Amino acid sequence: MIDNASLTALVRAAMPDALVAIHDRTGTMDHFNVEVTSAAFAGLNPLDRHRLVYRALDAALKDGRIHALEITTKLPENEHA
């Protein structure tokens, strides 16, 4: 299990400007929909954007704190792909 603040902190450690929206899909604090908005995604294709997020959450995925993860990535409104 991982709480929203800890999950957000992991993402922001890799992407300090990230805005992170989290939805606990099951109420068990280990199945999440995560939306990350960051300028770090500029110029990256969707797969590489997801890889950045997975890398940020790698430890929590490996130790079981996160069991399932659905990721949505976005650029800030003032950025372009």
PDB file of N, CA and C in Angstrom:
ATOM      1  N   MET A   1       0.839  -1.180   0.000  1.00  0.00           N
ATOM      2  CA  MET A   1       0.000   0.000   0.000  1.00  0.00           C
ATOM      3  C   MET A   1       0.888   1.247   0.000  1.00  0.00           C
ATOM      4  N   ILE A   2       0.385   2.269  -0.666  1.00  0.00           N
ATOM      5  CA  ILE A   2       1.073   3.548  -0.697  1.00  0.00           C
ATOM      6  C   ILE A   2       0.018   4.654  -0.688  1.00  0.00           C
ATOM      7  N   ASP A   3       0.282   5.698   0.063  1.00  0.00           N
ATOM      8  CA  ASP A   3      -0.693   6.790   0.104  1.00  0.00           C
ATOM      9  C   ASP A   3      -0.423   7.782  -1.030  1.00  0.00           C
ATOM     10  N   ASN A   4      -1.392   8.636  -1.284  1.00  0.00           N
ATOM     11  CA  ASN A   4      -1.294   9.584  -2.391  1.00  0.00           C
ATOM     12  C   ASN A   4      -0.094  10.511  -2.254  1.00  0.00           C
ATOM     13  N   ALA A   5       0.178  10.971  -1.054  1.00  0.00           N
ATOM     14  CA  ALA A   5       1.303  11.889  -0.838  1.00  0.00           C
ATOM     15  C   ALA A   5       2.632  11.222  -1.169  1.00  0.00           C
ATOM     16  N   SER A   6       2.791   9.975  -0.783  1.00  0.00           N
ATOM     17  CA  SER A   6       4.037   9.250  -1.070  1.00  0.00           C
ATOM     18  C   SER A   6       4.182   8.965  -2.561  1.00  0.00           C
ATOM     19  N   LEU A   7       3.085   8.599  -3.204  1.00  0.00           N
ATOM     20  CA  LEU A   7       3.110   8.353  -4.642  1.00  0.00           C
ATOM     21  C   LEU A   7       3.463   9.643  -5.379  1.00  0.00           C
ATOM     22  N   THR A   8       2.852  10.733  -4.992  1.00  0.00           N
ATOM     23  CA  THR A   8       3.137  12.025  -5.605  1.00  0.00           C
ATOM     24  C   THR A   8       4.601  12.403  -5.396  1.00  0.00           C
ATOM     25  N   ALA A   9       5.121  12.176  -4.207  1.00  0.00           N
ATOM     26  CA  ALA A   9       6.518  12.507  -3.906  1.00  0.00           C
ATOM     27  C   ALA A   9       7.479  11.723  -4.792  1.00  0.00           C
ATOM     28  N   LEU A  10       7.179  10.471  -5.071  1.00  0.00           N
ATOM     29  CA  LEU A  10       8.033   9.676  -5.950  1.00  0.00           C
ATOM     30  C   LEU A  10       8.054  10.255  -7.356  1.00  0.00           C
ATOM     31  N   VAL A  11       6.893  10.634  -7.855  1.00  0.00           N
ATOM     32  CA  VAL A  11       6.828  11.216  -9.201  1.00  0.00           C
ATOM     33  C   VAL A  11       7.581  12.538  -9.229  1.00  0.00           C
ATOM     34  N   ARG A  12       7.361  13.365  -8.221  1.00  0.00           N
ATOM     35  CA  ARG A  12       7.995  14.696  -8.197  1.00  0.00           C
ATOM     36  C   ARG A  12       9.505  14.622  -7.968  1.00  0.00           C
ATOM     37  N   ALA A  13       9.991  13.557  -7.385  1.00  0.00           N
ATOM     38  CA  ALA A  13      11.441  13.392  -7.245  1.00  0.00           C
ATOM     39  C   ALA A  13      12.092  13.278  -8.625  1.00  0.00           C
ATOM     40  N   ALA A  14      11.384  12.669  -9.562  1.00  0.00           N
ATOM     41  CA  ALA A  14      11.898  12.519 -10.920  1.00  0.00           C
ATOM     42  C   ALA A  14      11.526  13.690 -11.823  1.00  0.00           C
ATOM     43  N   MET A  15      10.352  14.293 -11.558  1.00  0.00           N
ATOM     44  CA  MET A  15       9.846  15.406 -12.367  1.00  0.00           C
ATOM     45  C   MET A  15       9.325  16.476 -11.414  1.00  0.00           C
ATOM     46  N   PRO A  16      10.198  17.358 -10.926  1.00  0.00           N
ATOM     47  CA  PRO A  16       9.818  18.315  -9.881  1.00  0.00           C
ATOM     48  C   PRO A  16       8.629  19.215 -10.230  1.00  0.00           C
ATOM     49  N   ASP A  17       8.394  19.457 -11.503  1.00  0.00           N
ATOM     50  CA  ASP A  17       7.285  20.340 -11.894  1.00  0.00           C
ATOM     51  C   ASP A  17       5.958  19.598 -12.029  1.00  0.00           C
ATOM     52  N   ALA A  18       5.953  18.303 -11.797  1.00  0.00           N
ATOM     53  CA  ALA A  18       4.786  17.475 -12.086  1.00  0.00           C
ATOM     54  C   ALA A  18       3.567  17.849 -11.249  1.00  0.00           C
ATOM     55  N   LEU A  19       2.439  17.889 -11.934  1.00  0.00           N
ATOM     56  CA  LEU A  19       1.141  17.932 -11.277  1.00  0.00           C
ATOM     57  C   LEU A  19       0.630  16.503 -11.335  1.00  0.00           C
ATOM     58  N   VAL A  20       0.241  15.956 -10.201  1.00  0.00           N
ATOM     59  CA  VAL A  20      -0.134  14.542 -10.127  1.00  0.00           C
ATOM     60  C   VAL A  20      -1.555  14.425  -9.595  1.00  0.00           C
ATOM     61  N   ALA A  21      -2.411  13.765 -10.363  1.00  0.00           N
ATOM     62  CA  ALA A  21      -3.777  13.468  -9.927  1.00  0.00           C
ATOM     63  C   ALA A  21      -3.882  11.955  -9.785  1.00  0.00           C
ATOM     64  N   ILE A  22      -4.380  11.513  -8.651  1.00  0.00           N
ATOM     65  CA  ILE A  22      -4.413  10.080  -8.341  1.00  0.00           C
ATOM     66  C   ILE A  22      -5.831   9.652  -8.015  1.00  0.00           C
ATOM     67  N   HIS A  23      -6.210   8.513  -8.567  1.00  0.00           N
ATOM     68  CA  HIS A  23      -7.496   7.905  -8.233  1.00  0.00           C
ATOM     69  C   HIS A  23      -7.226   6.472  -7.782  1.00  0.00           C
ATOM     70  N   ASP A  24      -7.596   6.153  -6.557  1.00  0.00           N
ATOM     71  CA  ASP A  24      -7.464   4.795  -6.019  1.00  0.00           C
ATOM     72  C   ASP A  24      -8.631   3.984  -6.575  1.00  0.00           C
ATOM     73  N   ARG A  25      -8.364   3.074  -7.489  1.00  0.00           N
ATOM     74  CA  ARG A  25      -9.415   2.364  -8.217  1.00  0.00           C
ATOM     75  C   ARG A  25     -10.206   1.389  -7.364  1.00  0.00           C
ATOM     76  N   THR A  26      -9.602   0.853  -6.328  1.00  0.00           N
ATOM     77  CA  THR A  26     -10.276  -0.205  -5.569  1.00  0.00           C
ATOM     78  C   THR A  26     -10.462   0.110  -4.086  1.00  0.00           C
ATOM     79  N   GLY A  27      -9.859   1.193  -3.626  1.00  0.00           N
ATOM     80  CA  GLY A  27      -9.922   1.519  -2.203  1.00  0.00           C
ATOM     81  C   GLY A  27      -8.904   0.768  -1.373  1.00  0.00           C
ATOM     82  N   THR A  28      -8.026   0.004  -2.010  1.00  0.00           N
ATOM     83  CA  THR A  28      -7.025  -0.783  -1.295  1.00  0.00           C
ATOM     84  C   THR A  28      -5.642  -0.135  -1.285  1.00  0.00           C
ATOM     85  N   MET A  29      -5.528   1.046  -1.872  1.00  0.00           N
ATOM     86  CA  MET A  29      -4.288   1.819  -1.919  1.00  0.00           C
ATOM     87  C   MET A  29      -3.152   1.086  -2.621  1.00  0.00           C
ATOM     88  N   ASP A  30      -3.491   0.281  -3.638  1.00  0.00           N
ATOM     89  CA  ASP A  30      -2.447  -0.352  -4.446  1.00  0.00           C
ATOM     90  C   ASP A  30      -2.831  -0.492  -5.923  1.00  0.00           C
ATOM     91  N   HIS A  31      -4.016  -0.024  -6.297  1.00  0.00           N
ATOM     92  CA  HIS A  31      -4.482  -0.008  -7.694  1.00  0.00           C
ATOM     93  C   HIS A  31      -4.838   1.439  -8.041  1.00  0.00           C
ATOM     94  N   PHE A  32      -4.064   2.046  -8.949  1.00  0.00           N
ATOM     95  CA  PHE A  32      -4.212   3.468  -9.184  1.00  0.00           C
ATOM     96  C   PHE A  32      -4.371   3.844 -10.647  1.00  0.00           C
ATOM     97  N   ASN A  33      -5.140   4.898 -10.869  1.00  0.00           N
ATOM     98  CA  ASN A  33      -5.105   5.665 -12.107  1.00  0.00           C
ATOM     99  C   ASN A  33      -4.326   6.914 -11.737  1.00  0.00           C
ATOM    100  N   VAL A  34      -3.280   7.207 -12.488  1.00  0.00           N
ATOM    101  CA  VAL A  34      -2.429   8.349 -12.200  1.00  0.00           C
ATOM    102  C   VAL A  34      -2.336   9.219 -13.442  1.00  0.00           C
ATOM    103  N   GLU A  35      -2.617  10.500 -13.269  1.00  0.00           N
ATOM    104  CA  GLU A  35      -2.454  11.461 -14.358  1.00  0.00           C
ATOM    105  C   GLU A  35      -1.313  12.389 -13.975  1.00  0.00           C
ATOM    106  N   VAL A  36      -0.298  12.452 -14.845  1.00  0.00           N
ATOM    107  CA  VAL A  36       0.868  13.278 -14.580  1.00  0.00           C
ATOM    108  C   VAL A  36       0.977  14.329 -15.673  1.00  0.00           C
ATOM    109  N   THR A  37       1.077  15.585 -15.260  1.00  0.00           N
ATOM    110  CA  THR A  37       1.277  16.695 -16.178  1.00  0.00           C
ATOM    111  C   THR A  37       2.652  17.272 -15.891  1.00  0.00           C
ATOM    112  N   SER A  38       3.523  17.294 -16.919  1.00  0.00           N
ATOM    113  CA  SER A  38       4.884  17.771 -16.709  1.00  0.00           C
ATOM    114  C   SER A  38       5.506  18.242 -18.012  1.00  0.00           C
ATOM    115  N   ALA A  39       6.315  19.284 -17.927  1.00  0.00           N
ATOM    116  CA  ALA A  39       7.085  19.758 -19.079  1.00  0.00           C
ATOM    117  C   ALA A  39       8.154  18.741 -19.477  1.00  0.00           C
ATOM    118  N   ALA A  40       8.488  17.810 -18.582  1.00  0.00           N
ATOM    119  CA  ALA A  40       9.482  16.774 -18.887  1.00  0.00           C
ATOM    120  C   ALA A  40       9.039  15.885 -20.045  1.00  0.00           C
ATOM    121  N   PHE A  41       7.748  15.894 -20.367  1.00  0.00           N
ATOM    122  CA  PHE A  41       7.227  15.061 -21.448  1.00  0.00           C
ATOM    123  C   PHE A  41       7.398  15.688 -22.833  1.00  0.00           C
ATOM    124  N   ALA A  42       7.828  16.941 -22.887  1.00  0.00           N
ATOM    125  CA  ALA A  42       7.961  17.643 -24.168  1.00  0.00           C
ATOM    126  C   ALA A  42       8.889  16.866 -25.102  1.00  0.00           C
ATOM    127  N   GLY A  43       8.433  16.636 -26.312  1.00  0.00           N
ATOM    128  CA  GLY A  43       9.230  15.953 -27.324  1.00  0.00           C
ATOM    129  C   GLY A  43       9.243  14.440 -27.204  1.00  0.00           C
ATOM    130  N   LEU A  44       8.583  13.895 -26.214  1.00  0.00           N
ATOM    131  CA  LEU A  44       8.562  12.440 -26.021  1.00  0.00           C
ATOM    132  C   LEU A  44       7.280  11.848 -26.565  1.00  0.00           C
ATOM    133  N   ASN A  45       7.389  10.633 -27.102  1.00  0.00           N
ATOM    134  CA  ASN A  45       6.185   9.929 -27.540  1.00  0.00           C
ATOM    135  C   ASN A  45       5.497   9.324 -26.314  1.00  0.00           C
ATOM    136  N   PRO A  46       4.250   8.894 -26.459  1.00  0.00           N
ATOM    137  CA  PRO A  46       3.510   8.371 -25.292  1.00  0.00           C
ATOM    138  C   PRO A  46       4.234   7.234 -24.554  1.00  0.00           C
ATOM    139  N   LEU A  47       4.878   6.337 -25.266  1.00  0.00           N
ATOM    140  CA  LEU A  47       5.569   5.234 -24.602  1.00  0.00           C
ATOM    141  C   LEU A  47       6.718   5.747 -23.739  1.00  0.00           C
ATOM    142  N   ASP A  48       7.495   6.696 -24.252  1.00  0.00           N
ATOM    143  CA  ASP A  48       8.602   7.239 -23.470  1.00  0.00           C
ATOM    144  C   ASP A  48       8.106   8.058 -22.276  1.00  0.00           C
ATOM    145  N   ARG A  49       6.969   8.713 -22.421  1.00  0.00           N
ATOM    146  CA  ARG A  49       6.373   9.428 -21.288  1.00  0.00           C
ATOM    147  C   ARG A  49       6.023   8.445 -20.174  1.00  0.00           C
ATOM    148  N   HIS A  50       5.404   7.335 -20.554  1.00  0.00           N
ATOM    149  CA  HIS A  50       5.034   6.318 -19.561  1.00  0.00           C
ATOM    150  C   HIS A  50       6.269   5.722 -18.909  1.00  0.00           C
ATOM    151  N   ARG A  51       7.319   5.534 -19.697  1.00  0.00           N
ATOM    152  CA  ARG A  51       8.559   4.999 -19.125  1.00  0.00           C
ATOM    153  C   ARG A  51       9.115   5.908 -18.037  1.00  0.00           C
ATOM    154  N   LEU A  52       9.017   7.222 -18.236  1.00  0.00           N
ATOM    155  CA  LEU A  52       9.474   8.160 -17.204  1.00  0.00           C
ATOM    156  C   LEU A  52       8.699   7.956 -15.903  1.00  0.00           C
ATOM    157  N   VAL A  53       7.402   7.802 -16.016  1.00  0.00           N
ATOM    158  CA  VAL A  53       6.572   7.616 -14.826  1.00  0.00           C
ATOM    159  C   VAL A  53       6.883   6.262 -14.172  1.00  0.00           C
ATOM    160  N   TYR A  54       6.982   5.213 -14.978  1.00  0.00           N
ATOM    161  CA  TYR A  54       7.311   3.896 -14.423  1.00  0.00           C
ATOM    162  C   TYR A  54       8.667   3.913 -13.720  1.00  0.00           C
ATOM    163  N   ARG A  55       9.639   4.611 -14.303  1.00  0.00           N
ATOM    164  CA  ARG A  55      10.953   4.711 -13.666  1.00  0.00           C
ATOM    165  C   ARG A  55      10.845   5.407 -12.311  1.00  0.00           C
ATOM    166  N   ALA A  56      10.046   6.457 -12.242  1.00  0.00           N
ATOM    167  CA  ALA A  56       9.862   7.189 -10.988  1.00  0.00           C
ATOM    168  C   ALA A  56       9.223   6.314  -9.907  1.00  0.00           C
ATOM    169  N   LEU A  57       8.361   5.399 -10.326  1.00  0.00           N
ATOM    170  CA  LEU A  57       7.616   4.553  -9.382  1.00  0.00           C
ATOM    171  C   LEU A  57       8.186   3.145  -9.259  1.00  0.00           C
ATOM    172  N   ASP A  58       9.358   2.926  -9.822  1.00  0.00           N
ATOM    173  CA  ASP A  58       9.953   1.584  -9.903  1.00  0.00           C
ATOM    174  C   ASP A  58      10.034   0.875  -8.552  1.00  0.00           C
ATOM    175  N   ALA A  59      10.535   1.540  -7.533  1.00  0.00           N
ATOM    176  CA  ALA A  59      10.698   0.881  -6.229  1.00  0.00           C
ATOM    177  C   ALA A  59       9.350   0.447  -5.656  1.00  0.00           C
ATOM    178  N   ALA A  60       8.343   1.316  -5.769  1.00  0.00           N
ATOM    179  CA  ALA A  60       7.017   0.987  -5.233  1.00  0.00           C
ATOM    180  C   ALA A  60       6.351  -0.132  -6.031  1.00  0.00           C
ATOM    181  N   LEU A  61       6.647  -0.224  -7.306  1.00  0.00           N
ATOM    182  CA  LEU A  61       6.116  -1.326  -8.117  1.00  0.00           C
ATOM    183  C   LEU A  61       6.816  -2.638  -7.751  1.00  0.00           C
ATOM    184  N   LYS A  62       8.124  -2.585  -7.590  1.00  0.00           N
ATOM    185  CA  LYS A  62       8.895  -3.795  -7.286  1.00  0.00           C
ATOM    186  C   LYS A  62       8.610  -4.353  -5.900  1.00  0.00           C
ATOM    187  N   ASP A  63       8.375  -3.464  -4.916  1.00  0.00           N
ATOM    188  CA  ASP A  63       8.152  -3.976  -3.562  1.00  0.00           C
ATOM    189  C   ASP A  63       6.676  -4.246  -3.258  1.00  0.00           C
ATOM    190  N   GLY A  64       5.800  -4.027  -4.248  1.00  0.00           N
ATOM    191  CA  GLY A  64       4.398  -4.386  -4.106  1.00  0.00           C
ATOM    192  C   GLY A  64       3.489  -3.306  -3.547  1.00  0.00           C
ATOM    193  N   ARG A  65       4.042  -2.128  -3.217  1.00  0.00           N
ATOM    194  CA  ARG A  65       3.170  -1.061  -2.722  1.00  0.00           C
ATOM    195  C   ARG A  65       2.172  -0.639  -3.800  1.00  0.00           C
ATOM    196  N   ILE A  66       2.599  -0.741  -5.052  1.00  0.00           N
ATOM    197  CA  ILE A  66       1.694  -0.502  -6.183  1.00  0.00           C
ATOM    198  C   ILE A  66       1.536  -1.824  -6.916  1.00  0.00           C
ATOM    199  N   HIS A  67       0.308  -2.282  -7.011  1.00  0.00           N
ATOM    200  CA  HIS A  67       0.038  -3.546  -7.695  1.00  0.00           C
ATOM    201  C   HIS A  67      -0.398  -3.317  -9.142  1.00  0.00           C
ATOM    202  N   ALA A  68      -1.236  -2.314  -9.378  1.00  0.00           N
ATOM    203  CA  ALA A  68      -1.731  -2.023 -10.726  1.00  0.00           C
ATOM    204  C   ALA A  68      -1.693  -0.518 -10.936  1.00  0.00           C
ATOM    205  N   LEU A  69      -1.334  -0.124 -12.163  1.00  0.00           N
ATOM    206  CA  LEU A  69      -1.146   1.286 -12.449  1.00  0.00           C
ATOM    207  C   LEU A  69      -1.617   1.596 -13.864  1.00  0.00           C
ATOM    208  N   GLU A  70      -2.503   2.565 -13.977  1.00  0.00           N
ATOM    209  CA  GLU A  70      -2.918   3.075 -15.283  1.00  0.00           C
ATOM    210  C   GLU A  70      -2.441   4.518 -15.345  1.00  0.00           C
ATOM    211  N   ILE A  71      -1.689   4.844 -16.398  1.00  0.00           N
ATOM    212  CA  ILE A  71      -1.042   6.148 -16.485  1.00  0.00           C
ATOM    213  C   ILE A  71      -1.622   6.964 -17.629  1.00  0.00           C
ATOM    214  N   THR A  72      -1.862   8.248 -17.344  1.00  0.00           N
ATOM    215  CA  THR A  72      -2.180   9.240 -18.361  1.00  0.00           C
ATOM    216  C   THR A  72      -1.144  10.343 -18.208  1.00  0.00           C
ATOM    217  N   THR A  73      -0.551  10.769 -19.329  1.00  0.00           N
ATOM    218  CA  THR A  73       0.434  11.835 -19.278  1.00  0.00           C
ATOM    219  C   THR A  73      -0.027  13.014 -20.123  1.00  0.00           C
ATOM    220  N   LYS A  74       0.327  14.201 -19.646  1.00  0.00           N
ATOM    221  CA  LYS A  74      -0.044  15.424 -20.358  1.00  0.00           C
ATOM    222  C   LYS A  74       1.082  16.429 -20.252  1.00  0.00           C
ATOM    223  N   LEU A  75       1.138  17.303 -21.236  1.00  0.00           N
ATOM    224  CA  LEU A  75       2.006  18.475 -21.157  1.00  0.00           C
ATOM    225  C   LEU A  75       1.221  19.610 -20.514  1.00  0.00           C
ATOM    226  N   PRO A  76       1.924  20.517 -19.836  1.00  0.00           N
ATOM    227  CA  PRO A  76       1.217  21.700 -19.326  1.00  0.00           C
ATOM    228  C   PRO A  76       0.585  22.461 -20.498  1.00  0.00           C
ATOM    229  N   GLU A  77      -0.451  23.193 -20.240  1.00  0.00           N
ATOM    230  CA  GLU A  77      -1.198  23.893 -21.294  1.00  0.00           C
ATOM    231  C   GLU A  77      -0.311  24.802 -22.135  1.00  0.00           C
ATOM    232  N   ASN A  78       0.739  25.373 -21.556  1.00  0.00           N
ATOM    233  CA  ASN A  78       1.593  26.285 -22.294  1.00  0.00           C
ATOM    234  C   ASN A  78       2.705  25.585 -23.076  1.00  0.00           C
ATOM    235  N   GLU A  79       2.739  24.270 -23.029  1.00  0.00           N
ATOM    236  CA  GLU A  79       3.740  23.477 -23.742  1.00  0.00           C
ATOM    237  C   GLU A  79       3.100  22.800 -24.948  1.00  0.00           C
ATOM    238  N   HIS A  80       3.930  22.415 -25.893  1.00  0.00           N
ATOM    239  CA  HIS A  80       3.442  21.680 -27.075  1.00  0.00           C
ATOM    240  C   HIS A  80       4.268  20.419 -27.258  1.00  0.00           C
ATOM    241  N   ALA A  81       3.595  19.382 -27.740  1.00  0.00           N
ATOM    242  CA  ALA A  81       4.254  18.080 -27.942  1.00  0.00           C
ATOM    243  C   ALA A  81       5.306  18.168 -28.948  1.00  0.00           C
TER     244      ALA A  81
END
